[in-house]
Amino acid sequence: MAHPLQELVHKGWLWQGREATEQLAPEQFIDSGWPDLNRRLGGGWLRGAVHELQVRCHFQGELALLMPTLVAQQKPCLWVNPPAMPYWPGLAHRQLARAPLWLQERDPKLALWAIEQALKSETLGIVVAWLNKPEAAVVRRLQQVAAKHDQLVFIVTAWQASTEARAYVNRLQLDWQNESLQIAILKRRAGWPLPAFPCAVSSFLPPRRQRSA
């Protein structure tokens, strides 16, 4: 006698998580530079999407995680409200071809407007924004603009003990433990959430950070 769960799968009444990836072509993804992360996300960072990176504190390795993707881009990226002024010599050492444009804007509405204009621009590439727990309507609006213009957005937010519903395509929680960056996937287009796994971002950290790590 078949197991009840197997009967539900056979009838198509049970969603199996991996079905989402079967509908997406490889060209719809951008390589994250981390094979384990690519596999868990179904192919990499989905184009035309907003991705959330939750951090306990700044500079835990979030930029090192994004560095392979930023390096591969031909267009300059925009950083909105970074917690510190970008250090161009350090970024150039990591082979970032162009210095990022950066903007400090305390007014949330003006910051949102600037992000939207960047997404609509054909001369700018990836947008990385540090926002303090943006409201659901803000994330939904950014997701609509990113999808329309096939742009990639990363929102760095504070660590959340309980995750409220947001329109992010992927939601990652970053933490530095056991001498490595641990990435937990809270939400993904590819299926169910996944527990934390190590990501070897140390190669993209400055030498002093590598020694401290």
Protein backbone atom coordinates (compact mmCIF):
# COMPACT_ATOMS: atom_id res chain seq x y z
CA MET A 1 0.00 0.00 0.00
CA ALA A 2 1.37 3.40 -0.98
CA HIS A 3 2.32 5.88 1.71
CA PRO A 4 -0.26 8.72 2.09
CA LEU A 5 2.41 11.33 1.23
CA GLN A 6 3.37 9.45 -1.92
CA GLU A 7 -0.27 9.42 -2.99
CA LEU A 8 -0.49 13.19 -2.53
CA VAL A 9 2.68 13.70 -4.60
CA HIS A 10 1.38 11.43 -7.33
CA LYS A 11 -1.88 13.38 -7.49
CA GLY A 12 -0.03 16.68 -7.62
CA TRP A 13 -1.61 17.91 -4.40
CA LEU A 14 1.67 18.37 -2.55
CA TRP A 15 4.18 21.10 -3.45
CA GLN A 16 7.72 19.68 -3.40
CA GLY A 17 9.73 22.88 -3.24
CA ARG A 18 12.14 22.09 -6.07
CA GLU A 19 9.46 22.58 -8.71
CA ALA A 20 10.17 26.33 -8.85
CA THR A 21 13.67 25.79 -10.18
CA GLU A 22 12.45 23.54 -12.99
CA GLN A 23 10.57 26.48 -14.50
CA LEU A 24 13.58 28.81 -14.59
CA ALA A 25 16.27 28.83 -17.28
CA PRO A 26 19.96 29.07 -16.25
CA GLU A 27 20.28 32.50 -17.87
CA GLN A 28 17.76 33.84 -15.35
CA PHE A 29 20.39 33.46 -12.63
CA ILE A 30 23.60 35.32 -11.87
CA ASP A 31 26.46 33.28 -10.46
CA SER A 32 27.01 34.14 -6.79
CA GLY A 33 30.59 32.90 -6.97
CA TRP A 34 29.85 30.30 -4.27
CA PRO A 35 28.89 26.84 -5.63
CA ASP A 36 27.16 25.71 -2.43
CA LEU A 37 25.06 28.87 -2.33
CA ASN A 38 24.23 28.58 -6.04
CA ARG A 39 22.97 25.06 -5.50
CA ARG A 40 20.81 26.03 -2.55
CA LEU A 41 19.33 29.02 -4.39
CA GLY A 42 18.53 26.95 -7.46
CA GLY A 43 21.25 28.44 -9.67
CA GLY A 44 22.48 31.66 -8.04
CA TRP A 45 21.00 35.12 -7.56
CA LEU A 46 17.76 35.42 -9.50
CA ARG A 47 17.72 38.33 -11.94
CA GLY A 48 15.09 41.02 -11.60
CA ALA A 49 14.79 40.40 -7.89
CA VAL A 50 15.36 41.87 -4.45
CA HIS A 51 17.43 39.78 -2.02
CA GLU A 52 17.71 40.38 1.73
CA LEU A 53 20.86 39.86 3.80
CA GLN A 54 20.22 39.98 7.54
CA VAL A 55 23.31 40.68 9.69
CA ARG A 56 23.85 40.85 13.46
CA CYS A 57 26.33 43.67 12.93
CA HIS A 58 27.96 45.32 9.93
CA PHE A 59 31.06 43.93 8.24
CA GLN A 60 30.44 40.30 9.13
CA GLY A 61 31.33 39.26 5.61
CA GLU A 62 28.27 40.49 3.70
CA LEU A 63 30.37 42.44 1.18
CA ALA A 64 32.81 39.57 0.82
CA LEU A 65 29.81 37.36 0.05
CA LEU A 66 28.70 39.75 -2.70
CA MET A 67 32.17 40.53 -4.03
CA PRO A 68 32.31 37.81 -6.75
CA THR A 69 29.02 39.11 -8.16
CA LEU A 70 30.12 42.74 -7.96
CA VAL A 71 33.46 41.99 -9.60
CA ALA A 72 31.75 40.23 -12.51
CA GLN A 73 29.58 43.26 -13.28
CA GLN A 74 30.58 45.62 -16.09
CA LYS A 75 28.43 48.52 -14.93
CA PRO A 76 29.11 50.59 -11.80
CA CYS A 77 27.01 49.65 -8.80
CA LEU A 78 25.24 51.95 -6.37
CA TRP A 79 25.55 51.67 -2.59
CA VAL A 80 22.85 53.44 -0.60
CA ASN A 81 23.51 54.31 3.05
CA PRO A 82 26.59 52.12 3.58
CA PRO A 83 27.60 52.06 7.28
CA ALA A 84 31.03 53.46 6.40
CA MET A 85 32.62 55.29 3.48
CA PRO A 86 33.73 52.76 0.83
CA TYR A 87 37.51 52.32 0.81
CA TRP A 88 38.43 52.30 -2.87
CA PRO A 89 42.02 50.95 -2.56
CA GLY A 90 40.68 47.92 -0.70
CA LEU A 91 37.96 47.36 -3.27
CA ALA A 92 40.42 47.74 -6.13
CA HIS A 93 42.63 45.14 -4.46
CA ARG A 94 39.67 42.76 -4.76
CA GLN A 95 39.62 43.48 -8.51
CA LEU A 96 36.46 45.56 -8.49
CA ALA A 97 36.77 47.27 -11.87
CA ARG A 98 34.91 50.46 -10.99
CA ALA A 99 34.47 52.29 -7.72
CA PRO A 100 30.86 52.06 -6.52
CA LEU A 101 28.73 55.16 -6.48
CA TRP A 102 27.54 55.75 -2.97
CA LEU A 103 24.78 57.82 -1.46
CA GLN A 104 23.96 58.75 2.12
CA GLU A 105 20.31 59.73 2.52
CA ARG A 106 18.62 59.77 5.93
CA ASP A 107 15.15 60.40 4.55
CA PRO A 108 13.70 56.90 3.83
CA LYS A 109 11.46 58.24 1.07
CA LEU A 110 14.35 59.92 -0.73
CA ALA A 111 16.51 56.82 -0.31
CA LEU A 112 13.74 54.73 -1.86
CA TRP A 113 13.41 57.21 -4.71
CA ALA A 114 17.16 57.04 -5.38
CA ILE A 115 17.09 53.23 -5.47
CA GLU A 116 14.19 53.25 -7.92
CA GLN A 117 15.97 55.71 -10.22
CA ALA A 118 19.07 53.53 -10.17
CA LEU A 119 17.03 50.47 -11.11
CA LYS A 120 15.49 52.33 -14.02
CA SER A 121 18.87 53.54 -15.27
CA GLU A 122 20.60 51.65 -18.07
CA THR A 123 24.02 52.88 -16.97
CA LEU A 124 23.99 51.42 -13.44
CA GLY A 125 24.19 47.80 -12.39
CA ILE A 126 23.66 46.17 -9.00
CA VAL A 127 22.18 48.17 -6.11
CA VAL A 128 23.24 47.43 -2.54
CA ALA A 129 21.26 49.28 0.13
CA TRP A 130 21.49 49.28 3.90
CA LEU A 131 17.94 49.83 5.16
CA ASN A 132 16.52 49.50 8.66
CA LYS A 133 13.75 46.90 8.32
CA PRO A 134 11.89 48.40 5.34
CA GLU A 135 8.13 48.07 5.37
CA ALA A 136 6.38 45.42 3.32
CA ALA A 137 5.04 48.01 0.87
CA VAL A 138 8.59 49.33 0.24
CA VAL A 139 10.00 45.88 -0.50
CA ARG A 140 7.05 45.04 -2.75
CA ARG A 141 7.53 48.28 -4.69
CA LEU A 142 11.25 47.68 -5.14
CA GLN A 143 10.59 44.12 -6.27
CA GLN A 144 8.18 45.36 -8.93
CA VAL A 145 10.70 47.89 -10.28
CA ALA A 146 13.58 45.38 -10.18
CA ALA A 147 11.52 42.80 -12.07
CA LYS A 148 10.41 45.31 -14.69
CA HIS A 149 13.97 46.45 -15.43
CA ASP A 150 15.68 43.08 -14.83
CA GLN A 151 17.91 44.52 -12.11
CA LEU A 152 19.52 42.99 -9.05
CA VAL A 153 19.07 44.49 -5.58
CA PHE A 154 20.55 43.50 -2.23
CA ILE A 155 19.03 44.94 0.94
CA VAL A 156 21.18 44.62 4.07
CA THR A 157 18.99 44.70 7.17
CA ALA A 158 19.31 44.02 10.88
CA TRP A 159 19.06 40.47 12.23
CA GLN A 160 15.42 39.59 12.97
CA ALA A 161 14.43 37.08 15.65
CA SER A 162 11.04 36.61 13.98
CA THR A 163 10.76 37.15 10.25
CA GLU A 164 7.74 39.09 9.01
CA ALA A 165 6.43 38.45 5.52
CA ARG A 166 8.19 40.48 2.82
CA ALA A 167 8.35 40.26 -0.99
CA TYR A 168 12.05 39.38 -1.08
CA VAL A 169 12.84 36.55 -3.49
CA ASN A 170 15.59 35.26 -1.20
CA ARG A 171 16.15 36.01 2.50
CA LEU A 172 19.51 35.09 3.98
CA GLN A 173 20.64 35.37 7.58
CA LEU A 174 24.39 35.85 8.07
CA ASP A 175 26.36 35.13 11.21
CA TRP A 176 30.07 34.68 11.93
CA GLN A 177 30.58 31.46 13.90
CA ASN A 178 33.19 28.73 14.13
CA GLU A 179 35.69 30.93 12.26
CA SER A 180 33.51 31.14 9.15
CA LEU A 181 30.49 32.92 7.76
CA GLN A 182 27.35 30.89 8.37
CA ILE A 183 24.43 31.42 5.97
CA ALA A 184 20.90 30.37 6.86
CA ILE A 185 18.30 30.62 4.09
CA LEU A 186 15.02 31.83 5.56
CA LYS A 187 13.23 32.09 2.22
CA ARG A 188 14.16 31.07 -1.30
CA ARG A 189 12.50 30.82 -4.68
CA ALA A 190 13.95 27.31 -5.02
CA GLY A 191 11.96 25.76 -2.18
CA TRP A 192 11.88 25.39 1.58
CA PRO A 193 14.12 27.29 4.05
CA LEU A 194 17.48 25.70 4.79
CA PRO A 195 19.66 25.56 7.93
CA ALA A 196 22.93 27.43 8.21
CA PHE A 197 25.95 26.26 6.23
CA PRO A 198 29.53 27.63 6.09
CA CYS A 199 30.68 29.86 3.24
CA ALA A 200 34.42 30.43 2.75
CA VAL A 201 34.35 34.19 2.24
CA SER A 202 37.71 34.67 3.98
CA SER A 203 39.50 34.83 0.62
CA PHE A 204 37.72 38.12 -0.08
CA LEU A 205 38.42 39.64 3.35
CA PRO A 206 41.31 42.08 3.86
CA PRO A 207 44.47 40.40 5.23
CA ARG A 208 43.95 41.83 8.72
CA ARG A 209 40.40 40.45 8.79
CA GLN A 210 41.66 37.08 7.63
CA ARG A 211 44.12 36.99 10.51
CA SER A 212 41.46 37.97 13.04
CA ALA A 213 39.04 35.42 11.56
